[in-house]
Amino acid sequence: MAETFEKQSVSSEVARRMIAAAEEKAAAMGHGLVVAVVDESGVLKAFSRMDGAPLLSVQVAQDKAYTAAGFGMSTDAWHDFIKDDPPLAAGAPTGIDRLVVFGGGYPITVDGRVVGGVGVSGGHYSQDMEVARAALTALEH
């Protein structure tokens, strides 16, 4: 029986490409946003605070990426996941450190495995989601 296991992680090169793709999309939309990419353990891998991005968005973007990597699901999926479950709805947002339950965070998956997460903050969550999805297109290159 093995006492260790192998983990796959998003590469630095891909993380930087994701940041660039997100910045390009945000700029085209006319927004200065914060973009964070974390590895499979939720540790910051790449980061950008675009000019004009709100200060509080620095932490929110990182927490969105952390949430997505940690649970392997997008942050916007959390609302539907907890809304009809009173104990979970009451306890999860306050009881799980760094949990974000609105859009803008997505897991980064390769061959069905979570290898990281991306989080965007600074706009309406729907705009954050659009920019985060643009970041994910960097995986296709």
N, C-alpha and C. Protein backbone atom coordinates (compact mmCIF):
# COMPACT_ATOMS: atom_id res chain seq x y z
N MET A 1 0.84 -1.18 0.00
CA MET A 1 0.00 0.00 0.00
C MET A 1 0.89 1.25 0.00
N ALA A 2 0.61 2.17 -0.89
CA ALA A 2 1.40 3.39 -1.00
C ALA A 2 1.09 4.35 0.15
N GLU A 3 2.12 5.00 0.63
CA GLU A 3 1.94 5.97 1.71
C GLU A 3 1.92 7.39 1.19
N THR A 4 2.11 7.56 -0.09
CA THR A 4 2.03 8.88 -0.72
C THR A 4 1.21 8.76 -2.00
N PHE A 5 0.87 9.91 -2.53
CA PHE A 5 0.18 9.92 -3.82
C PHE A 5 0.64 11.14 -4.59
N GLU A 6 0.45 11.07 -5.89
CA GLU A 6 0.85 12.15 -6.76
C GLU A 6 -0.28 13.15 -6.93
N LYS A 7 0.06 14.43 -6.93
CA LYS A 7 -0.93 15.47 -7.18
C LYS A 7 -0.51 16.22 -8.44
N GLN A 8 -1.51 16.58 -9.23
CA GLN A 8 -1.24 17.40 -10.40
C GLN A 8 -1.62 18.83 -10.09
N SER A 9 -0.86 19.76 -10.64
CA SER A 9 -1.08 21.17 -10.36
C SER A 9 -0.99 21.98 -11.65
N VAL A 10 -1.72 23.07 -11.68
CA VAL A 10 -1.63 24.00 -12.79
C VAL A 10 -0.20 24.56 -12.84
N SER A 11 0.36 24.64 -14.03
CA SER A 11 1.74 25.14 -14.17
C SER A 11 1.77 26.66 -14.07
N SER A 12 2.94 27.17 -13.74
CA SER A 12 3.13 28.62 -13.69
C SER A 12 2.85 29.26 -15.04
N GLU A 13 3.28 28.59 -16.10
CA GLU A 13 3.06 29.10 -17.46
C GLU A 13 1.57 29.24 -17.76
N VAL A 14 0.80 28.22 -17.46
CA VAL A 14 -0.64 28.27 -17.70
C VAL A 14 -1.29 29.33 -16.82
N ALA A 15 -0.87 29.42 -15.57
CA ALA A 15 -1.43 30.42 -14.66
C ALA A 15 -1.22 31.83 -15.22
N ARG A 16 -0.03 32.10 -15.73
CA ARG A 16 0.24 33.42 -16.32
C ARG A 16 -0.61 33.66 -17.56
N ARG A 17 -0.79 32.62 -18.39
CA ARG A 17 -1.64 32.77 -19.57
C ARG A 17 -3.09 33.04 -19.16
N MET A 18 -3.54 32.42 -18.10
CA MET A 18 -4.90 32.64 -17.61
C MET A 18 -5.06 34.09 -17.15
N ILE A 19 -4.07 34.60 -16.45
CA ILE A 19 -4.12 36.00 -16.00
C ILE A 19 -4.20 36.91 -17.23
N ALA A 20 -3.37 36.66 -18.22
CA ALA A 20 -3.37 37.51 -19.43
C ALA A 20 -4.71 37.46 -20.15
N ALA A 21 -5.28 36.27 -20.27
CA ALA A 21 -6.59 36.14 -20.95
C ALA A 21 -7.67 36.88 -20.18
N ALA A 22 -7.64 36.78 -18.87
CA ALA A 22 -8.63 37.46 -18.04
C ALA A 22 -8.47 38.98 -18.14
N GLU A 23 -7.24 39.45 -18.08
CA GLU A 23 -6.99 40.89 -18.20
C GLU A 23 -7.46 41.43 -19.55
N GLU A 24 -7.20 40.67 -20.59
CA GLU A 24 -7.62 41.09 -21.94
C GLU A 24 -9.14 41.23 -21.99
N LYS A 25 -9.86 40.25 -21.43
CA LYS A 25 -11.32 40.28 -21.43
C LYS A 25 -11.84 41.44 -20.58
N ALA A 26 -11.26 41.61 -19.40
CA ALA A 26 -11.70 42.69 -18.51
C ALA A 26 -11.47 44.06 -19.15
N ALA A 27 -10.33 44.23 -19.80
CA ALA A 27 -10.03 45.49 -20.47
C ALA A 27 -11.01 45.75 -21.60
N ALA A 28 -11.35 44.71 -22.36
CA ALA A 28 -12.32 44.85 -23.44
C ALA A 28 -13.69 45.24 -22.91
N MET A 29 -13.99 44.82 -21.70
CA MET A 29 -15.27 45.17 -21.07
C MET A 29 -15.20 46.54 -20.38
N GLY A 30 -14.00 47.10 -20.30
CA GLY A 30 -13.83 48.40 -19.67
C GLY A 30 -13.74 48.35 -18.15
N HIS A 31 -13.28 47.23 -17.60
CA HIS A 31 -13.21 47.06 -16.15
C HIS A 31 -11.78 46.79 -15.70
N GLY A 32 -11.44 47.32 -14.54
CA GLY A 32 -10.22 46.95 -13.85
C GLY A 32 -10.60 45.96 -12.77
N LEU A 33 -10.18 44.72 -12.89
CA LEU A 33 -10.57 43.67 -11.96
C LEU A 33 -9.35 43.03 -11.32
N VAL A 34 -9.60 42.19 -10.34
CA VAL A 34 -8.56 41.40 -9.71
C VAL A 34 -8.72 39.96 -10.16
N VAL A 35 -7.61 39.32 -10.52
CA VAL A 35 -7.63 37.94 -10.99
C VAL A 35 -6.62 37.14 -10.17
N ALA A 36 -7.06 36.02 -9.64
CA ALA A 36 -6.18 35.15 -8.87
C ALA A 36 -6.26 33.73 -9.41
N VAL A 37 -5.12 33.09 -9.52
CA VAL A 37 -5.04 31.68 -9.89
C VAL A 37 -4.32 30.96 -8.75
N VAL A 38 -4.95 29.88 -8.27
CA VAL A 38 -4.35 29.09 -7.20
C VAL A 38 -4.05 27.69 -7.70
N ASP A 39 -3.16 26.99 -6.99
CA ASP A 39 -2.85 25.61 -7.35
C ASP A 39 -3.90 24.68 -6.76
N GLU A 40 -3.67 23.38 -6.88
CA GLU A 40 -4.66 22.39 -6.43
C GLU A 40 -4.91 22.44 -4.93
N SER A 41 -3.99 23.03 -4.17
CA SER A 41 -4.15 23.14 -2.72
C SER A 41 -4.70 24.49 -2.30
N GLY A 42 -5.01 25.34 -3.27
CA GLY A 42 -5.56 26.66 -2.95
C GLY A 42 -4.51 27.72 -2.65
N VAL A 43 -3.25 27.41 -2.95
CA VAL A 43 -2.16 28.36 -2.71
C VAL A 43 -1.98 29.23 -3.95
N LEU A 44 -1.85 30.52 -3.73
CA LEU A 44 -1.74 31.48 -4.83
C LEU A 44 -0.59 31.13 -5.77
N LYS A 45 -0.91 31.08 -7.06
CA LYS A 45 0.07 30.73 -8.10
C LYS A 45 0.38 31.93 -9.00
N ALA A 46 -0.65 32.73 -9.32
CA ALA A 46 -0.49 33.93 -10.15
C ALA A 46 -1.57 34.92 -9.75
N PHE A 47 -1.27 36.20 -9.91
CA PHE A 47 -2.18 37.22 -9.40
C PHE A 47 -2.01 38.52 -10.18
N SER A 48 -3.14 39.24 -10.34
CA SER A 48 -3.08 40.57 -10.94
C SER A 48 -4.17 41.44 -10.34
N ARG A 49 -3.79 42.62 -9.93
CA ARG A 49 -4.76 43.65 -9.58
C ARG A 49 -4.63 44.73 -10.64
N MET A 50 -5.59 44.74 -11.54
CA MET A 50 -5.57 45.69 -12.63
C MET A 50 -5.78 47.11 -12.08
N ASP A 51 -5.33 48.09 -12.83
CA ASP A 51 -5.51 49.48 -12.43
C ASP A 51 -6.99 49.77 -12.21
N GLY A 52 -7.29 50.40 -11.11
CA GLY A 52 -8.67 50.77 -10.79
C GLY A 52 -9.46 49.70 -10.07
N ALA A 53 -8.89 48.52 -9.88
CA ALA A 53 -9.61 47.44 -9.19
C ALA A 53 -9.77 47.77 -7.72
N PRO A 54 -10.93 47.49 -7.15
CA PRO A 54 -11.18 47.79 -5.73
C PRO A 54 -10.26 47.00 -4.80
N LEU A 55 -9.86 47.62 -3.71
CA LEU A 55 -8.98 47.00 -2.73
C LEU A 55 -9.57 45.72 -2.16
N LEU A 56 -10.84 45.73 -1.79
CA LEU A 56 -11.45 44.55 -1.18
C LEU A 56 -11.50 43.37 -2.14
N SER A 57 -11.44 43.64 -3.42
CA SER A 57 -11.47 42.57 -4.41
C SER A 57 -10.21 41.73 -4.40
N VAL A 58 -9.13 42.24 -3.82
CA VAL A 58 -7.89 41.47 -3.74
C VAL A 58 -8.14 40.17 -2.98
N GLN A 59 -8.75 40.25 -1.81
CA GLN A 59 -9.02 39.06 -1.02
C GLN A 59 -10.16 38.23 -1.60
N VAL A 60 -11.20 38.91 -2.11
CA VAL A 60 -12.35 38.19 -2.64
C VAL A 60 -11.96 37.31 -3.83
N ALA A 61 -11.12 37.83 -4.73
CA ALA A 61 -10.69 37.04 -5.90
C ALA A 61 -9.92 35.80 -5.44
N GLN A 62 -9.05 35.97 -4.47
CA GLN A 62 -8.28 34.83 -3.97
C GLN A 62 -9.19 33.81 -3.29
N ASP A 63 -10.18 34.30 -2.56
CA ASP A 63 -11.12 33.39 -1.88
C ASP A 63 -12.01 32.66 -2.88
N LYS A 64 -12.38 33.31 -3.97
CA LYS A 64 -13.17 32.63 -5.01
C LYS A 64 -12.35 31.50 -5.63
N ALA A 65 -11.10 31.77 -5.93
CA ALA A 65 -10.23 30.74 -6.50
C ALA A 65 -10.03 29.60 -5.51
N TYR A 66 -9.84 29.93 -4.25
CA TYR A 66 -9.65 28.94 -3.18
C TYR A 66 -10.88 28.06 -3.04
N THR A 67 -12.06 28.68 -3.03
CA THR A 67 -13.32 27.94 -2.92
C THR A 67 -13.48 26.98 -4.08
N ALA A 68 -13.22 27.46 -5.29
CA ALA A 68 -13.39 26.63 -6.49
C ALA A 68 -12.42 25.45 -6.49
N ALA A 69 -11.17 25.69 -6.12
CA ALA A 69 -10.20 24.60 -6.08
C ALA A 69 -10.50 23.64 -4.94
N GLY A 70 -10.91 24.18 -3.82
CA GLY A 70 -11.12 23.36 -2.63
C GLY A 70 -12.31 22.42 -2.72
N PHE A 71 -13.33 22.83 -3.46
CA PHE A 71 -14.53 22.00 -3.57
C PHE A 71 -14.75 21.45 -4.97
N GLY A 72 -13.95 21.90 -5.94
CA GLY A 72 -14.07 21.38 -7.30
C GLY A 72 -15.35 21.80 -7.99
N MET A 73 -15.93 22.91 -7.54
CA MET A 73 -17.12 23.42 -8.23
C MET A 73 -17.08 24.94 -8.23
N SER A 74 -17.78 25.51 -9.19
CA SER A 74 -17.77 26.96 -9.33
C SER A 74 -18.44 27.61 -8.13
N THR A 75 -18.02 28.82 -7.81
CA THR A 75 -18.59 29.51 -6.66
C THR A 75 -20.08 29.81 -6.85
N ASP A 76 -20.51 30.07 -8.08
CA ASP A 76 -21.93 30.37 -8.30
C ASP A 76 -22.80 29.14 -8.06
N ALA A 77 -22.25 27.95 -8.15
CA ALA A 77 -23.01 26.73 -7.90
C ALA A 77 -23.37 26.57 -6.42
N TRP A 78 -22.63 27.26 -5.56
CA TRP A 78 -22.89 27.14 -4.13
C TRP A 78 -24.27 27.65 -3.74
N HIS A 79 -24.74 28.70 -4.39
CA HIS A 79 -26.06 29.24 -4.03
C HIS A 79 -27.14 28.16 -4.16
N ASP A 80 -27.22 27.52 -5.31
CA ASP A 80 -28.21 26.46 -5.51
C ASP A 80 -27.95 25.27 -4.59
N PHE A 81 -26.68 25.02 -4.30
CA PHE A 81 -26.31 23.89 -3.46
C PHE A 81 -26.83 24.04 -2.02
N ILE A 82 -26.85 25.28 -1.51
CA ILE A 82 -27.21 25.48 -0.11
C ILE A 82 -28.57 26.13 0.12
N LYS A 83 -29.18 26.74 -0.90
CA LYS A 83 -30.38 27.56 -0.69
C LYS A 83 -31.57 26.83 -0.08
N ASP A 84 -31.75 25.55 -0.38
CA ASP A 84 -32.89 24.80 0.14
C ASP A 84 -32.51 23.88 1.31
N ASP A 85 -31.36 24.12 1.89
CA ASP A 85 -30.87 23.32 3.00
C ASP A 85 -30.55 24.28 4.16
N PRO A 86 -31.55 24.58 5.02
CA PRO A 86 -31.36 25.59 6.06
C PRO A 86 -30.10 25.44 6.92
N PRO A 87 -29.77 24.24 7.42
CA PRO A 87 -28.54 24.15 8.21
C PRO A 87 -27.28 24.49 7.41
N LEU A 88 -27.24 24.03 6.17
CA LEU A 88 -26.09 24.32 5.32
C LEU A 88 -26.06 25.79 4.93
N ALA A 89 -27.22 26.35 4.58
CA ALA A 89 -27.29 27.76 4.20
C ALA A 89 -26.87 28.67 5.35
N ALA A 90 -27.23 28.29 6.55
CA ALA A 90 -26.88 29.11 7.71
C ALA A 90 -25.43 28.89 8.14
N GLY A 91 -24.95 27.67 8.01
CA GLY A 91 -23.64 27.35 8.54
C GLY A 91 -22.48 27.46 7.59
N ALA A 92 -22.69 27.15 6.32
CA ALA A 92 -21.57 27.12 5.38
C ALA A 92 -20.91 28.48 5.19
N PRO A 93 -21.66 29.55 4.88
CA PRO A 93 -20.99 30.83 4.62
C PRO A 93 -20.24 31.40 5.83
N THR A 94 -20.71 31.11 7.02
CA THR A 94 -20.02 31.63 8.21
C THR A 94 -19.09 30.60 8.84
N GLY A 95 -19.31 29.33 8.54
CA GLY A 95 -18.54 28.28 9.19
C GLY A 95 -17.38 27.73 8.38
N ILE A 96 -17.37 27.99 7.08
CA ILE A 96 -16.27 27.50 6.23
C ILE A 96 -15.42 28.70 5.85
N ASP A 97 -14.23 28.74 6.39
CA ASP A 97 -13.32 29.86 6.15
C ASP A 97 -13.06 30.05 4.66
N ARG A 98 -13.19 31.27 4.20
CA ARG A 98 -12.89 31.69 2.83
C ARG A 98 -13.89 31.22 1.79
N LEU A 99 -15.02 30.65 2.21
CA LEU A 99 -16.04 30.19 1.27
C LEU A 99 -16.74 31.38 0.62
N VAL A 100 -16.85 31.36 -0.70
CA VAL A 100 -17.59 32.37 -1.45
C VAL A 100 -18.72 31.67 -2.18
N VAL A 101 -19.94 32.22 -2.06
CA VAL A 101 -21.13 31.55 -2.61
C VAL A 101 -21.80 32.37 -3.71
N PHE A 102 -21.02 33.18 -4.42
CA PHE A 102 -21.54 33.90 -5.58
C PHE A 102 -20.49 33.84 -6.68
N GLY A 103 -20.88 34.15 -7.89
CA GLY A 103 -20.07 33.89 -9.06
C GLY A 103 -18.74 34.59 -9.16
N GLY A 104 -17.85 33.95 -9.93
CA GLY A 104 -16.54 34.52 -10.23
C GLY A 104 -15.39 33.57 -9.96
N GLY A 105 -15.68 32.38 -9.43
CA GLY A 105 -14.63 31.40 -9.18
C GLY A 105 -14.94 30.09 -9.87
N TYR A 106 -13.93 29.51 -10.53
CA TYR A 106 -14.08 28.24 -11.24
C TYR A 106 -12.90 27.33 -10.94
N PRO A 107 -13.18 26.03 -10.81
CA PRO A 107 -12.05 25.10 -10.70
C PRO A 107 -11.34 25.00 -12.05
N ILE A 108 -10.06 24.75 -12.00
CA ILE A 108 -9.28 24.48 -13.20
C ILE A 108 -9.12 22.97 -13.25
N THR A 109 -9.65 22.36 -14.30
CA THR A 109 -9.59 20.91 -14.40
C THR A 109 -8.85 20.49 -15.66
N VAL A 110 -8.10 19.42 -15.53
CA VAL A 110 -7.39 18.81 -16.65
C VAL A 110 -7.65 17.31 -16.56
N ASP A 111 -8.20 16.75 -17.60
CA ASP A 111 -8.52 15.33 -17.63
C ASP A 111 -9.37 14.91 -16.43
N GLY A 112 -10.31 15.77 -16.07
CA GLY A 112 -11.23 15.46 -14.99
C GLY A 112 -10.68 15.65 -13.59
N ARG A 113 -9.46 16.12 -13.46
CA ARG A 113 -8.85 16.35 -12.15
C ARG A 113 -8.73 17.83 -11.87
N VAL A 114 -9.05 18.23 -10.65
CA VAL A 114 -8.89 19.62 -10.25
C VAL A 114 -7.41 19.89 -10.03
N VAL A 115 -6.88 20.84 -10.78
CA VAL A 115 -5.46 21.19 -10.69
C VAL A 115 -5.25 22.62 -10.20
N GLY A 116 -6.36 23.30 -9.88
CA GLY A 116 -6.27 24.67 -9.39
C GLY A 116 -7.62 25.34 -9.44
N GLY A 117 -7.59 26.66 -9.27
CA GLY A 117 -8.81 27.45 -9.33
C GLY A 117 -8.49 28.85 -9.80
N VAL A 118 -9.49 29.50 -10.38
CA VAL A 118 -9.35 30.89 -10.80
C VAL A 118 -10.48 31.69 -10.17
N GLY A 119 -10.15 32.88 -9.69
CA GLY A 119 -11.14 33.75 -9.10
C GLY A 119 -10.99 35.16 -9.63
N VAL A 120 -12.11 35.81 -9.89
CA VAL A 120 -12.13 37.19 -10.39
C VAL A 120 -13.07 37.99 -9.52
N SER A 121 -12.68 39.22 -9.19
CA SER A 121 -13.52 40.09 -8.39
C SER A 121 -13.31 41.54 -8.80
N GLY A 122 -14.32 42.34 -8.57
CA GLY A 122 -14.22 43.77 -8.84
C GLY A 122 -15.37 44.32 -9.63
N GLY A 123 -16.12 43.45 -10.29
CA GLY A 123 -17.31 43.87 -11.02
C GLY A 123 -18.53 43.22 -10.40
N HIS A 124 -19.64 43.30 -11.08
CA HIS A 124 -20.80 42.51 -10.65
C HIS A 124 -20.40 41.05 -10.82
N TYR A 125 -20.94 40.16 -10.01
CA TYR A 125 -20.51 38.77 -10.10
C TYR A 125 -20.70 38.18 -11.50
N SER A 126 -21.68 38.66 -12.26
CA SER A 126 -21.86 38.14 -13.62
C SER A 126 -20.69 38.56 -14.52
N GLN A 127 -20.16 39.76 -14.30
CA GLN A 127 -18.98 40.20 -15.05
C GLN A 127 -17.74 39.42 -14.62
N ASP A 128 -17.63 39.20 -13.31
CA ASP A 128 -16.52 38.40 -12.79
C ASP A 128 -16.53 37.01 -13.41
N MET A 129 -17.72 36.43 -13.52
CA MET A 129 -17.85 35.10 -14.12
C MET A 129 -17.38 35.10 -15.57
N GLU A 130 -17.78 36.11 -16.32
CA GLU A 130 -17.41 36.20 -17.73
C GLU A 130 -15.89 36.28 -17.90
N VAL A 131 -15.25 37.07 -17.04
CA VAL A 131 -13.80 37.23 -17.12
C VAL A 131 -13.10 35.94 -16.67
N ALA A 132 -13.62 35.29 -15.64
CA ALA A 132 -13.03 34.03 -15.18
C ALA A 132 -13.15 32.95 -16.25
N ARG A 133 -14.27 32.91 -16.94
CA ARG A 133 -14.43 31.94 -18.04
C ARG A 133 -13.43 32.23 -19.16
N ALA A 134 -13.15 33.51 -19.40
CA ALA A 134 -12.14 33.87 -20.40
C ALA A 134 -10.77 33.36 -19.97
N ALA A 135 -10.49 33.42 -18.68
CA ALA A 135 -9.22 32.89 -18.18
C ALA A 135 -9.09 31.41 -18.47
N LEU A 136 -10.20 30.69 -18.33
CA LEU A 136 -10.17 29.24 -18.57
C LEU A 136 -9.86 28.89 -20.02
N THR A 137 -10.11 29.82 -20.95
CA THR A 137 -9.81 29.53 -22.36
C THR A 137 -8.31 29.36 -22.58
N ALA A 138 -7.49 29.87 -21.65
CA ALA A 138 -6.03 29.72 -21.79
C ALA A 138 -5.62 28.26 -21.69
N LEU A 139 -6.47 27.42 -21.14
CA LEU A 139 -6.17 25.98 -21.05
C LEU A 139 -6.21 25.32 -22.43
N GLU A 140 -6.90 25.96 -23.36
CA GLU A 140 -7.07 25.38 -24.69
C GLU A 140 -5.86 25.60 -25.59
N HIS A 141 -4.89 26.38 -25.14
CA HIS A 141 -3.73 26.71 -25.99
C HIS A 141 -2.56 25.83 -25.67
